[in-house]
């Protein structure tokens, strides 16, 4: 009699053990009743009737997907190899199980094709300098297409843009030429500013002749302080130059008058 009761008891205990499921905080269980979707359960302790109900576990944590390197031809016909990393998570457990067979593989394939498609519409310079914009464009496209699968793409980052050696040398030459151009422009701007300042100084000195005398004395003082200076200065009053100018003008006027009388 003991054996007759023991077998059913073992069967009941085994069924109860098979029915009890424990889901962690980041897990959900998509339950099917005779093949039809019934509910999403979890986290915690749930009961599944063996043979009648089936459960598929879904992880809700963020998944990191390394997108393999893709050969991309840019809009300016430059071939590059680009790889990226994709971060996504499941936001609708039922859709991720019912709407797509393998959401991880499907998202990976979609990320590869989208990466090639988006980067192929941009120039090489944009790939190298506007990564944030390209990341946002790829994320927006992926997020809109995976929404029906219950997937949320949280972030996309382009990791590497690999160029061939000839293109690297060409970019280096371009950068060097750009630096030389900037240096010439800066030098020309400096010359222009110096000329403007000298013009302003000359205008100020012309209005006040004493300023020229002070500048002259200051220059003499600077040269006399030099330890290697062997020159002796004799200050010449600037008023004396005015006398010479007046004499030259007077003789010039007499010479002109004499020439005109001779011609007459």
C-alpha atoms as a PDB file:
ATOM      1  CA  UNK A   1       0.000   0.000   0.000  1.00  0.00           C
ATOM      2  CA  UNK A   2       2.847   2.353   0.781  1.00  0.00           C
ATOM      3  CA  UNK A   3       4.250   1.954  -2.764  1.00  0.00           C
ATOM      4  CA  UNK A   4       0.815   2.600  -4.290  1.00  0.00           C
ATOM      5  CA  UNK A   5       0.597   5.996  -2.539  1.00  0.00           C
ATOM      6  CA  UNK A   6       4.243   6.858  -3.027  1.00  0.00           C
ATOM      7  CA  UNK A   7       4.177   6.956  -6.841  1.00  0.00           C
ATOM      8  CA  UNK A   8       1.301   9.448  -7.172  1.00  0.00           C
ATOM      9  CA  UNK A   9       2.897  11.588  -4.480  1.00  0.00           C
ATOM     10  CA  UNK A  10       6.164  11.676  -6.395  1.00  0.00           C
ATOM     11  CA  UNK A  11       4.300  12.592  -9.589  1.00  0.00           C
ATOM     12  CA  UNK A  12       2.465  15.450  -7.856  1.00  0.00           C
ATOM     13  CA  UNK A  13       5.667  16.785  -6.305  1.00  0.00           C
ATOM     14  CA  UNK A  14       7.419  16.632  -9.693  1.00  0.00           C
ATOM     15  CA  UNK A  15       4.562  18.485 -11.395  1.00  0.00           C
ATOM     16  CA  UNK A  16       4.609  21.172  -8.715  1.00  0.00           C
ATOM     17  CA  UNK A  17       8.393  21.545  -9.081  1.00  0.00           C
ATOM     18  CA  UNK A  18       8.034  21.861 -12.856  1.00  0.00           C
ATOM     19  CA  UNK A  19       5.256  24.407 -12.470  1.00  0.00           C
ATOM     20  CA  UNK A  20       7.115  26.796 -10.200  1.00  0.00           C
ATOM     21  CA  UNK A  21       9.262  29.351 -12.027  1.00  0.00           C
ATOM     22  CA  UNK A  22      11.246  32.231 -10.553  1.00  0.00           C
ATOM     23  CA  UNK A  23      12.053  35.237 -12.693  1.00  0.00           C
ATOM     24  CA  UNK A  24      14.664  37.802 -11.741  1.00  0.00           C
ATOM     25  CA  UNK A  25      13.982  41.537 -11.586  1.00  0.00           C
ATOM     26  CA  UNK A  26      15.319  42.091 -15.118  1.00  0.00           C
ATOM     27  CA  UNK A  27      13.449  39.118 -16.644  1.00  0.00           C
ATOM     28  CA  UNK A  28       9.917  38.711 -17.972  1.00  0.00           C
ATOM     29  CA  UNK A  29       8.074  35.592 -19.028  1.00  0.00           C
ATOM     30  CA  UNK A  30       5.889  35.548 -22.153  1.00  0.00           C
ATOM     31  CA  UNK A  31       3.284  32.858 -21.403  1.00  0.00           C
ATOM     32  CA  UNK A  32       1.409  30.914 -24.105  1.00  0.00           C
ATOM     33  CA  UNK A  33      -1.715  28.895 -23.329  1.00  0.00           C
ATOM     34  CA  UNK A  34      -2.082  26.020 -25.805  1.00  0.00           C
ATOM     35  CA  UNK A  35      -0.030  27.973 -28.308  1.00  0.00           C
ATOM     36  CA  UNK A  36      -1.895  31.258 -27.935  1.00  0.00           C
ATOM     37  CA  UNK A  37      -0.425  34.310 -26.238  1.00  0.00           C
ATOM     38  CA  UNK A  38      -1.843  34.663 -22.732  1.00  0.00           C
ATOM     39  CA  UNK A  39       0.138  37.204 -20.693  1.00  0.00           C
ATOM     40  CA  UNK A  40       3.511  38.602 -19.707  1.00  0.00           C
ATOM     41  CA  UNK A  41       4.436  37.601 -16.164  1.00  0.00           C
ATOM     42  CA  UNK A  42       7.205  38.407 -13.726  1.00  0.00           C
ATOM     43  CA  UNK A  43       9.357  39.190 -11.955  1.00  0.00           C
ATOM     44  CA  UNK A  44       9.152  36.864  -8.956  1.00  0.00           C
ATOM     45  CA  UNK A  45       7.394  33.539  -8.457  1.00  0.00           C
ATOM     46  CA  UNK A  46       4.985  32.356 -11.163  1.00  0.00           C
ATOM     47  CA  UNK A  47       3.128  29.113 -11.835  1.00  0.00           C
ATOM     48  CA  UNK A  48       3.208  27.416 -15.234  1.00  0.00           C
ATOM     49  CA  UNK A  49       1.008  24.369 -15.914  1.00  0.00           C
ATOM     50  CA  UNK A  50       3.257  21.811 -17.661  1.00  0.00           C
ATOM     51  CA  UNK A  51       2.015  20.646 -21.064  1.00  0.00           C
ATOM     52  CA  UNK A  52      -0.647  23.340 -21.264  1.00  0.00           C
ATOM     53  CA  UNK A  53       1.327  26.541 -20.772  1.00  0.00           C
ATOM     54  CA  UNK A  54       4.729  27.440 -22.182  1.00  0.00           C
ATOM     55  CA  UNK A  55       6.942  30.338 -21.173  1.00  0.00           C
ATOM     56  CA  UNK A  56       9.666  32.202 -23.051  1.00  0.00           C
ATOM     57  CA  UNK A  57      12.084  34.267 -20.952  1.00  0.00           C
ATOM     58  CA  UNK A  58      13.033  37.751 -22.140  1.00  0.00           C
ATOM     59  CA  UNK A  59      15.937  39.814 -20.755  1.00  0.00           C
ATOM     60  CA  UNK A  60      15.123  43.509 -20.292  1.00  0.00           C
ATOM     61  CA  UNK A  61      18.701  44.703 -19.695  1.00  0.00           C
ATOM     62  CA  UNK A  62      20.571  46.851 -22.210  1.00  0.00           C
ATOM     63  CA  UNK A  63      22.345  44.700 -24.791  1.00  0.00           C
ATOM     64  CA  UNK A  64      25.650  45.745 -26.344  1.00  0.00           C
ATOM     65  CA  UNK A  65      25.951  44.790 -30.009  1.00  0.00           C
ATOM     66  CA  UNK A  66      29.276  45.141 -31.810  1.00  0.00           C
ATOM     67  CA  UNK A  67      28.480  45.896 -35.460  1.00  0.00           C
ATOM     68  CA  UNK A  68      31.153  44.232 -37.675  1.00  0.00           C
ATOM     69  CA  UNK A  69      33.320  46.372 -39.954  1.00  0.00           C
ATOM     70  CA  UNK A  70      31.503  47.410 -43.102  1.00  0.00           C
ATOM     71  CA  UNK A  71      32.978  48.511 -46.433  1.00  0.00           C
ATOM     72  CA  UNK A  72      31.396  51.859 -47.253  1.00  0.00           C
ATOM     73  CA  UNK A  73      31.775  54.012 -50.372  1.00  0.00           C
ATOM     74  CA  UNK A  74      31.284  57.644 -49.408  1.00  0.00           C
ATOM     75  CA  UNK A  75      29.482  60.190 -51.534  1.00  0.00           C
ATOM     76  CA  UNK A  76      32.833  61.476 -52.833  1.00  0.00           C
ATOM     77  CA  UNK A  77      33.829  57.922 -53.900  1.00  0.00           C
ATOM     78  CA  UNK A  78      36.240  57.100 -51.085  1.00  0.00           C
ATOM     79  CA  UNK A  79      36.257  53.507 -49.792  1.00  0.00           C
ATOM     80  CA  UNK A  80      36.477  53.189 -46.008  1.00  0.00           C
ATOM     81  CA  UNK A  81      35.887  50.482 -43.411  1.00  0.00           C
ATOM     82  CA  UNK A  82      33.613  51.504 -40.579  1.00  0.00           C
ATOM     83  CA  UNK A  83      32.517  49.660 -37.453  1.00  0.00           C
ATOM     84  CA  UNK A  84      30.187  50.737 -34.673  1.00  0.00           C
ATOM     85  CA  UNK A  85      28.629  49.670 -31.397  1.00  0.00           C
ATOM     86  CA  UNK A  86      24.889  49.563 -30.774  1.00  0.00           C
ATOM     87  CA  UNK A  87      23.033  49.690 -27.436  1.00  0.00           C
ATOM     88  CA  UNK A  88      19.436  48.511 -27.301  1.00  0.00           C
ATOM     89  CA  UNK A  89      16.950  46.844 -24.946  1.00  0.00           C
ATOM     90  CA  UNK A  90      13.563  45.139 -25.010  1.00  0.00           C
ATOM     91  CA  UNK A  91      10.678  47.396 -23.976  1.00  0.00           C
ATOM     92  CA  UNK A  92       7.810  45.138 -25.062  1.00  0.00           C
ATOM     93  CA  UNK A  93       8.428  41.497 -24.211  1.00  0.00           C
ATOM     94  CA  UNK A  94       5.393  40.178 -26.109  1.00  0.00           C
ATOM     95  CA  UNK A  95       6.362  41.887 -29.386  1.00  0.00           C
ATOM     96  CA  UNK A  96       9.994  40.787 -29.130  1.00  0.00           C
ATOM     97  CA  UNK A  97       8.850  37.146 -29.037  1.00  0.00           C
ATOM     98  CA  UNK A  98       5.806  37.215 -31.296  1.00  0.00           C
ATOM     99  CA  UNK A  99       6.730  39.742 -34.005  1.00  0.00           C
ATOM    100  CA  UNK A 100      10.290  38.583 -34.769  1.00  0.00           C
ATOM    101  CA  UNK A 101      11.948  35.175 -34.659  1.00  0.00           C
ATOM    102  CA  UNK A 102      15.307  36.315 -33.186  1.00  0.00           C
ATOM    103  CA  UNK A 103      15.338  39.982 -32.244  1.00  0.00           C
ATOM    104  CA  UNK A 104      19.100  39.983 -31.545  1.00  0.00           C
ATOM    105  CA  UNK A 105      20.046  38.669 -34.999  1.00  0.00           C
ATOM    106  CA  UNK A 106      17.449  40.845 -36.723  1.00  0.00           C
ATOM    107  CA  UNK A 107      18.707  43.981 -34.993  1.00  0.00           C
ATOM    108  CA  UNK A 108      22.304  43.107 -35.876  1.00  0.00           C
ATOM    109  CA  UNK A 109      21.534  42.678 -39.587  1.00  0.00           C
ATOM    110  CA  UNK A 110      19.463  45.847 -39.662  1.00  0.00           C
ATOM    111  CA  UNK A 111      22.265  47.807 -37.966  1.00  0.00           C
ATOM    112  CA  UNK A 112      24.793  46.663 -40.599  1.00  0.00           C
ATOM    113  CA  UNK A 113      22.628  47.643 -43.570  1.00  0.00           C
ATOM    114  CA  UNK A 114      21.631  50.962 -41.983  1.00  0.00           C
ATOM    115  CA  UNK A 115      25.272  51.813 -41.241  1.00  0.00           C
ATOM    116  CA  UNK A 116      26.231  51.318 -44.891  1.00  0.00           C
ATOM    117  CA  UNK A 117      23.174  53.167 -46.167  1.00  0.00           C
ATOM    118  CA  UNK A 118      23.548  56.261 -43.967  1.00  0.00           C
ATOM    119  CA  UNK A 119      27.316  56.684 -44.315  1.00  0.00           C
ATOM    120  CA  UNK A 120      27.126  56.213 -48.084  1.00  0.00           C
ATOM    121  CA  UNK A 121      25.142  59.470 -48.294  1.00  0.00           C
ATOM    122  CA  UNK A 122      27.909  61.571 -46.716  1.00  0.00           C
ATOM    123  CA  UNK A 123      31.377  62.749 -47.710  1.00  0.00           C
ATOM    124  CA  UNK A 124      34.547  61.526 -46.031  1.00  0.00           C
ATOM    125  CA  UNK A 125      35.021  64.852 -44.250  1.00  0.00           C
ATOM    126  CA  UNK A 126      31.565  64.540 -42.697  1.00  0.00           C
ATOM    127  CA  UNK A 127      32.332  61.001 -41.505  1.00  0.00           C
ATOM    128  CA  UNK A 128      35.444  62.253 -39.733  1.00  0.00           C
ATOM    129  CA  UNK A 129      34.122  65.529 -38.297  1.00  0.00           C
ATOM    130  CA  UNK A 130      30.376  65.027 -37.769  1.00  0.00           C
ATOM    131  CA  UNK A 131      30.150  61.699 -35.989  1.00  0.00           C
ATOM    132  CA  UNK A 132      27.592  62.930 -33.473  1.00  0.00           C
ATOM    133  CA  UNK A 133      25.181  63.842 -36.262  1.00  0.00           C
ATOM    134  CA  UNK A 134      25.723  60.511 -38.047  1.00  0.00           C
ATOM    135  CA  UNK A 135      25.226  58.608 -34.777  1.00  0.00           C
ATOM    136  CA  UNK A 136      21.933  60.414 -34.205  1.00  0.00           C
ATOM    137  CA  UNK A 137      20.739  59.700 -37.771  1.00  0.00           C
ATOM    138  CA  UNK A 138      21.541  55.978 -37.515  1.00  0.00           C
ATOM    139  CA  UNK A 139      19.893  55.726 -34.089  1.00  0.00           C
ATOM    140  CA  UNK A 140      16.727  57.429 -35.324  1.00  0.00           C
ATOM    141  CA  UNK A 141      16.407  55.091 -38.322  1.00  0.00           C
ATOM    142  CA  UNK A 142      17.063  51.942 -36.269  1.00  0.00           C
ATOM    143  CA  UNK A 143      14.707  53.016 -33.498  1.00  0.00           C
ATOM    144  CA  UNK A 144      11.843  53.653 -35.907  1.00  0.00           C
ATOM    145  CA  UNK A 145      12.276  50.289 -37.664  1.00  0.00           C
ATOM    146  CA  UNK A 146      12.681  48.181 -34.501  1.00  0.00           C
ATOM    147  CA  UNK A 147       9.755  49.786 -32.686  1.00  0.00           C
ATOM    148  CA  UNK A 148       7.361  47.161 -34.072  1.00  0.00           C
ATOM    149  CA  UNK A 149       9.621  44.452 -32.584  1.00  0.00           C
ATOM    150  CA  UNK A 150       9.390  45.926 -29.079  1.00  0.00           C
ATOM    151  CA  UNK A 151      13.046  47.085 -29.257  1.00  0.00           C
ATOM    152  CA  UNK A 152      14.329  50.493 -28.144  1.00  0.00           C
ATOM    153  CA  UNK A 153      17.709  51.608 -29.562  1.00  0.00           C
ATOM    154  CA  UNK A 154      19.246  53.778 -26.847  1.00  0.00           C
ATOM    155  CA  UNK A 155      22.553  54.735 -28.456  1.00  0.00           C
ATOM    156  CA  UNK A 156      24.764  54.240 -31.519  1.00  0.00           C
ATOM    157  CA  UNK A 157      28.481  55.066 -31.622  1.00  0.00           C
ATOM    158  CA  UNK A 158      30.762  54.890 -34.665  1.00  0.00           C
ATOM    159  CA  UNK A 159      34.056  53.532 -33.316  1.00  0.00           C
ATOM    160  CA  UNK A 160      36.565  53.508 -36.184  1.00  0.00           C
ATOM    161  CA  UNK A 161      36.802  54.881 -39.714  1.00  0.00           C
ATOM    162  CA  UNK A 162      39.748  53.088 -41.338  1.00  0.00           C
ATOM    163  CA  UNK A 163      41.392  54.612 -44.429  1.00  0.00           C
ATOM    164  CA  UNK A 164      44.012  53.222 -46.804  1.00  0.00           C
ATOM    165  CA  UNK A 165      47.565  54.576 -46.762  1.00  0.00           C
ATOM    166  CA  UNK A 166      47.218  56.732 -49.878  1.00  0.00           C
ATOM    167  CA  UNK A 167      44.170  58.488 -48.464  1.00  0.00           C
ATOM    168  CA  UNK A 168      45.921  59.073 -45.132  1.00  0.00           C
ATOM    169  CA  UNK A 169      48.838  60.732 -46.957  1.00  0.00           C
ATOM    170  CA  UNK A 170      46.439  62.871 -48.995  1.00  0.00           C
ATOM    171  CA  UNK A 171      44.671  64.047 -45.844  1.00  0.00           C
ATOM    172  CA  UNK A 172      48.028  64.847 -44.236  1.00  0.00           C
ATOM    173  CA  UNK A 173      49.027  66.979 -47.250  1.00  0.00           C
ATOM    174  CA  UNK A 174      45.681  68.734 -47.144  1.00  0.00           C
ATOM    175  CA  UNK A 175      46.075  69.483 -43.433  1.00  0.00           C
ATOM    176  CA  UNK A 176      49.596  70.842 -44.006  1.00  0.00           C
ATOM    177  CA  UNK A 177      48.390  73.096 -46.810  1.00  0.00           C
ATOM    178  CA  UNK A 178      45.563  74.334 -44.626  1.00  0.00           C
ATOM    179  CA  UNK A 179      47.997  75.216 -41.833  1.00  0.00           C
ATOM    180  CA  UNK A 180      50.219  77.115 -44.272  1.00  0.00           C
ATOM    181  CA  UNK A 181      47.212  79.018 -45.599  1.00  0.00           C
ATOM    182  CA  UNK A 182      46.190  80.021 -42.087  1.00  0.00           C
ATOM    183  CA  UNK A 183      49.735  81.140 -41.282  1.00  0.00           C
ATOM    184  CA  UNK A 184      49.830  83.370 -44.355  1.00  0.00           C
ATOM    185  CA  UNK A 185      46.439  84.853 -43.563  1.00  0.00           C
ATOM    186  CA  UNK A 186      47.467  85.578 -39.968  1.00  0.00           C
ATOM    187  CA  UNK A 187      50.713  87.186 -41.163  1.00  0.00           C
ATOM    188  CA  UNK A 188      48.827  89.354 -43.662  1.00  0.00           C
ATOM    189  CA  UNK A 189      46.322  90.402 -41.004  1.00  0.00           C
ATOM    190  CA  UNK A 190      49.205  91.344 -38.700  1.00  0.00           C
ATOM    191  CA  UNK A 191      50.793  93.485 -41.426  1.00  0.00           C
ATOM    192  CA  UNK A 192      47.459  95.194 -42.056  1.00  0.00           C
ATOM    193  CA  UNK A 193      46.943  95.974 -38.392  1.00  0.00           C
ATOM    194  CA  UNK A 194      50.518  97.270 -38.068  1.00  0.00           C
ATOM    195  CA  UNK A 195      50.034  99.535 -41.100  1.00  0.00           C
ATOM    196  CA  UNK A 196      46.790 100.891 -39.647  1.00  0.00           C
ATOM    197  CA  UNK A 197      48.466 101.629 -36.303  1.00  0.00           C
ATOM    198  CA  UNK A 198      51.433 103.330 -38.007  1.00  0.00           C
ATOM    199  CA  UNK A 199      49.051 105.436 -40.069  1.00  0.00           C
ATOM    200  CA  UNK A 200      47.205 106.497 -36.923  1.00  0.00           C
ATOM    201  CA  UNK A 201      50.515 107.317 -35.167  1.00  0.00           C
ATOM    202  CA  UNK A 202      51.691 109.415 -38.114  1.00  0.00           C
ATOM    203  CA  UNK A 203      48.430 111.319 -38.112  1.00  0.00           C
ATOM    204  CA  UNK A 204      48.713 112.043 -34.384  1.00  0.00           C
ATOM    205  CA  UNK A 205      52.374 113.160 -34.682  1.00  0.00           C
ATOM    206  CA  UNK A 206      51.554 115.434 -37.631  1.00  0.00           C
ATOM    207  CA  UNK A 207      49.035 117.270 -35.454  1.00  0.00           C
ATOM    208  CA  UNK A 208      51.560 117.720 -32.610  1.00  0.00           C
ATOM    209  CA  UNK A 209      55.201 118.192 -33.771  1.00  0.00           C
ATOM    210  CA  UNK A 210      56.490 117.988 -30.176  1.00  0.00           C
ATOM    211  CA  UNK A 211      55.525 114.303 -30.158  1.00  0.00           C
ATOM    212  CA  UNK A 212      58.075 113.633 -32.924  1.00  0.00           C
ATOM    213  CA  UNK A 213      60.789 115.321 -30.844  1.00  0.00           C
ATOM    214  CA  UNK A 214      59.916 113.175 -27.822  1.00  0.00           C
ATOM    215  CA  UNK A 215      59.980 110.048 -29.950  1.00  0.00           C
ATOM    216  CA  UNK A 216      63.358 111.066 -31.325  1.00  0.00           C
ATOM    217  CA  UNK A 217      64.794 111.510 -27.821  1.00  0.00           C
ATOM    218  CA  UNK A 218      63.307 108.222 -26.664  1.00  0.00           C
ATOM    219  CA  UNK A 219      64.951 106.380 -29.574  1.00  0.00           C
ATOM    220  CA  UNK A 220      68.308 107.942 -28.669  1.00  0.00           C
ATOM    221  CA  UNK A 221      67.895 106.879 -25.038  1.00  0.00           C
ATOM    222  CA  UNK A 222      67.069 103.290 -26.063  1.00  0.00           C
ATOM    223  CA  UNK A 223      70.126 103.027 -28.301  1.00  0.00           C
ATOM    224  CA  UNK A 224      72.461 104.561 -25.700  1.00  0.00           C
ATOM    225  CA  UNK A 225      71.416 101.937 -23.122  1.00  0.00           C
ATOM    226  CA  UNK A 226      72.698  99.143 -25.313  1.00  0.00           C
ATOM    227  CA  UNK A 227      75.996  97.657 -24.105  1.00  0.00           C
ATOM    228  CA  UNK A 228      77.178  97.187 -27.685  1.00  0.00           C
ATOM    229  CA  UNK A 229      76.389 100.724 -28.830  1.00  0.00           C
ATOM    230  CA  UNK A 230      79.462 102.637 -30.118  1.00  0.00           C
ATOM    231  CA  UNK A 231      77.605 105.530 -31.718  1.00  0.00           C
ATOM    232  CA  UNK A 232      77.745 109.113 -30.414  1.00  0.00           C
ATOM    233  CA  UNK A 233      74.552 111.152 -30.858  1.00  0.00           C
ATOM    234  CA  UNK A 234      74.344 114.884 -31.336  1.00  0.00           C
ATOM    235  CA  UNK A 235      70.756 115.976 -30.857  1.00  0.00           C
ATOM    236  CA  UNK A 236      69.578 118.192 -33.682  1.00  0.00           C
ATOM    237  CA  UNK A 237      66.649 120.468 -32.864  1.00  0.00           C
ATOM    238  CA  UNK A 238      63.747 119.802 -35.177  1.00  0.00           C
ATOM    239  CA  UNK A 239      63.164 123.560 -35.484  1.00  0.00           C
ATOM    240  CA  UNK A 240      66.439 123.737 -37.379  1.00  0.00           C
ATOM    241  CA  UNK A 241      65.040 121.490 -40.052  1.00  0.00           C
ATOM    242  CA  UNK A 242      62.215 123.958 -40.544  1.00  0.00           C
ATOM    243  CA  UNK A 243      64.781 126.677 -41.206  1.00  0.00           C
ATOM    244  CA  UNK A 244      66.445 124.487 -43.843  1.00  0.00           C
ATOM    245  CA  UNK A 245      63.057 123.797 -45.405  1.00  0.00           C
ATOM    246  CA  UNK A 246      62.292 127.514 -45.561  1.00  0.00           C
ATOM    247  CA  UNK A 247      65.672 128.298 -47.171  1.00  0.00           C
ATOM    248  CA  UNK A 248      65.202 125.491 -49.682  1.00  0.00           C
ATOM    249  CA  UNK A 249      61.746 126.755 -50.522  1.00  0.00           C
ATOM    250  CA  UNK A 250      63.038 130.326 -50.930  1.00  0.00           C
ATOM    251  CA  UNK A 251      65.854 129.289 -53.240  1.00  0.00           C
ATOM    252  CA  UNK A 252      63.474 127.146 -55.143  1.00  0.00           C
ATOM    253  CA  UNK A 253      61.138 130.059 -55.654  1.00  0.00           C
ATOM    254  CA  UNK A 254      64.006 132.325 -56.832  1.00  0.00           C
ATOM    255  CA  UNK A 255      65.238 129.677 -59.217  1.00  0.00           C
ATOM    256  CA  UNK A 256      61.818 129.280 -60.722  1.00  0.00           C
ATOM    257  CA  UNK A 257      61.427 133.047 -61.169  1.00  0.00           C
ATOM    258  CA  UNK A 258      64.855 133.364 -62.797  1.00  0.00           C
ATOM    259  CA  UNK A 259      64.092 130.565 -65.194  1.00  0.00           C
ATOM    260  CA  UNK A 260      60.839 132.164 -66.204  1.00  0.00           C
ATOM    261  CA  UNK A 261      62.572 135.556 -66.778  1.00  0.00           C
ATOM    262  CA  UNK A 262      65.190 133.872 -68.912  1.00  0.00           C
ATOM    263  CA  UNK A 263      62.542 132.181 -70.983  1.00  0.00           C
ATOM    264  CA  UNK A 264      60.742 135.481 -71.350  1.00  0.00           C
END
